[in-house]
Amino acid sequence: MGLETALKVRGIKKVKAHIILCCITLVAAVIAVNTPVKAQKAA
């Protein structure tokens, strides 16, 4: 029982981490698209 619970918790943490990474990537993409070309060249 304990091992199964640990695996489920790990799976949930992986999913949460994946969602957070997707959100960060999405926000970064929106910022990159919305910033002027000059700002992109400087970065």
C-alpha atoms as a PDB file:
ATOM      1  CA  MET A   1       0.000   0.000   0.000  1.00  0.00           C
ATOM      2  CA  GLY A   2       2.714   2.462   0.996  1.00  0.00           C
ATOM      3  CA  LEU A   3       4.672   1.932  -2.209  1.00  0.00           C
ATOM      4  CA  GLU A   4       1.589   2.439  -4.393  1.00  0.00           C
ATOM      5  CA  THR A   5       0.749   5.660  -2.569  1.00  0.00           C
ATOM      6  CA  ALA A   6       4.323   6.908  -3.008  1.00  0.00           C
ATOM      7  CA  LEU A   7       4.175   6.173  -6.737  1.00  0.00           C
ATOM      8  CA  LYS A   8       0.843   7.989  -7.073  1.00  0.00           C
ATOM      9  CA  VAL A   9       2.236  11.012  -5.232  1.00  0.00           C
ATOM     10  CA  ARG A  10       5.295  10.997  -7.507  1.00  0.00           C
ATOM     11  CA  GLY A  11       3.035  10.828 -10.548  1.00  0.00           C
ATOM     12  CA  ILE A  12       0.948  13.756  -9.308  1.00  0.00           C
ATOM     13  CA  LYS A  13       4.109  15.772  -8.630  1.00  0.00           C
ATOM     14  CA  LYS A  14       5.383  15.003 -12.137  1.00  0.00           C
ATOM     15  CA  VAL A  15       2.076  16.131 -13.647  1.00  0.00           C
ATOM     16  CA  LYS A  16       2.094  19.327 -11.576  1.00  0.00           C
ATOM     17  CA  ALA A  17       5.699  20.040 -12.572  1.00  0.00           C
ATOM     18  CA  HIS A  18       4.789  19.434 -16.232  1.00  0.00           C
ATOM     19  CA  ILE A  19       1.799  21.812 -16.004  1.00  0.00           C
ATOM     20  CA  ILE A  20       3.957  24.478 -14.335  1.00  0.00           C
ATOM     21  CA  LEU A  21       6.623  24.101 -17.042  1.00  0.00           C
ATOM     22  CA  CYS A  22       3.967  24.368 -19.766  1.00  0.00           C
ATOM     23  CA  CYS A  23       2.554  27.530 -18.165  1.00  0.00           C
ATOM     24  CA  ILE A  24       6.031  29.087 -17.902  1.00  0.00           C
ATOM     25  CA  THR A  25       6.753  28.218 -21.536  1.00  0.00           C
ATOM     26  CA  LEU A  26       3.403  29.644 -22.633  1.00  0.00           C
ATOM     27  CA  VAL A  27       3.953  32.901 -20.712  1.00  0.00           C
ATOM     28  CA  ALA A  28       7.509  33.172 -22.071  1.00  0.00           C
ATOM     29  CA  ALA A  29       6.218  32.650 -25.621  1.00  0.00           C
ATOM     30  CA  VAL A  30       3.530  35.329 -25.185  1.00  0.00           C
ATOM     31  CA  ILE A  31       6.117  37.770 -23.802  1.00  0.00           C
ATOM     32  CA  ALA A  32       8.509  36.953 -26.666  1.00  0.00           C
ATOM     33  CA  VAL A  33       5.758  37.553 -29.239  1.00  0.00           C
ATOM     34  CA  ASN A  34       4.587  40.785 -27.598  1.00  0.00           C
ATOM     35  CA  THR A  35       8.045  42.338 -27.117  1.00  0.00           C
ATOM     36  CA  PRO A  36       9.491  44.459 -29.926  1.00  0.00           C
ATOM     37  CA  VAL A  37      12.192  43.005 -32.187  1.00  0.00           C
ATOM     38  CA  LYS A  38      14.825  45.301 -30.613  1.00  0.00           C
ATOM     39  CA  ALA A  39      14.199  43.781 -27.183  1.00  0.00           C
ATOM     40  CA  GLN A  40      14.512  40.261 -28.631  1.00  0.00           C
ATOM     41  CA  LYS A  41      17.877  41.104 -30.255  1.00  0.00           C
ATOM     42  CA  ALA A  42      19.177  42.512 -26.956  1.00  0.00           C
ATOM     43  CA  ALA A  43      18.130  39.376 -25.039  1.00  0.00           C
END
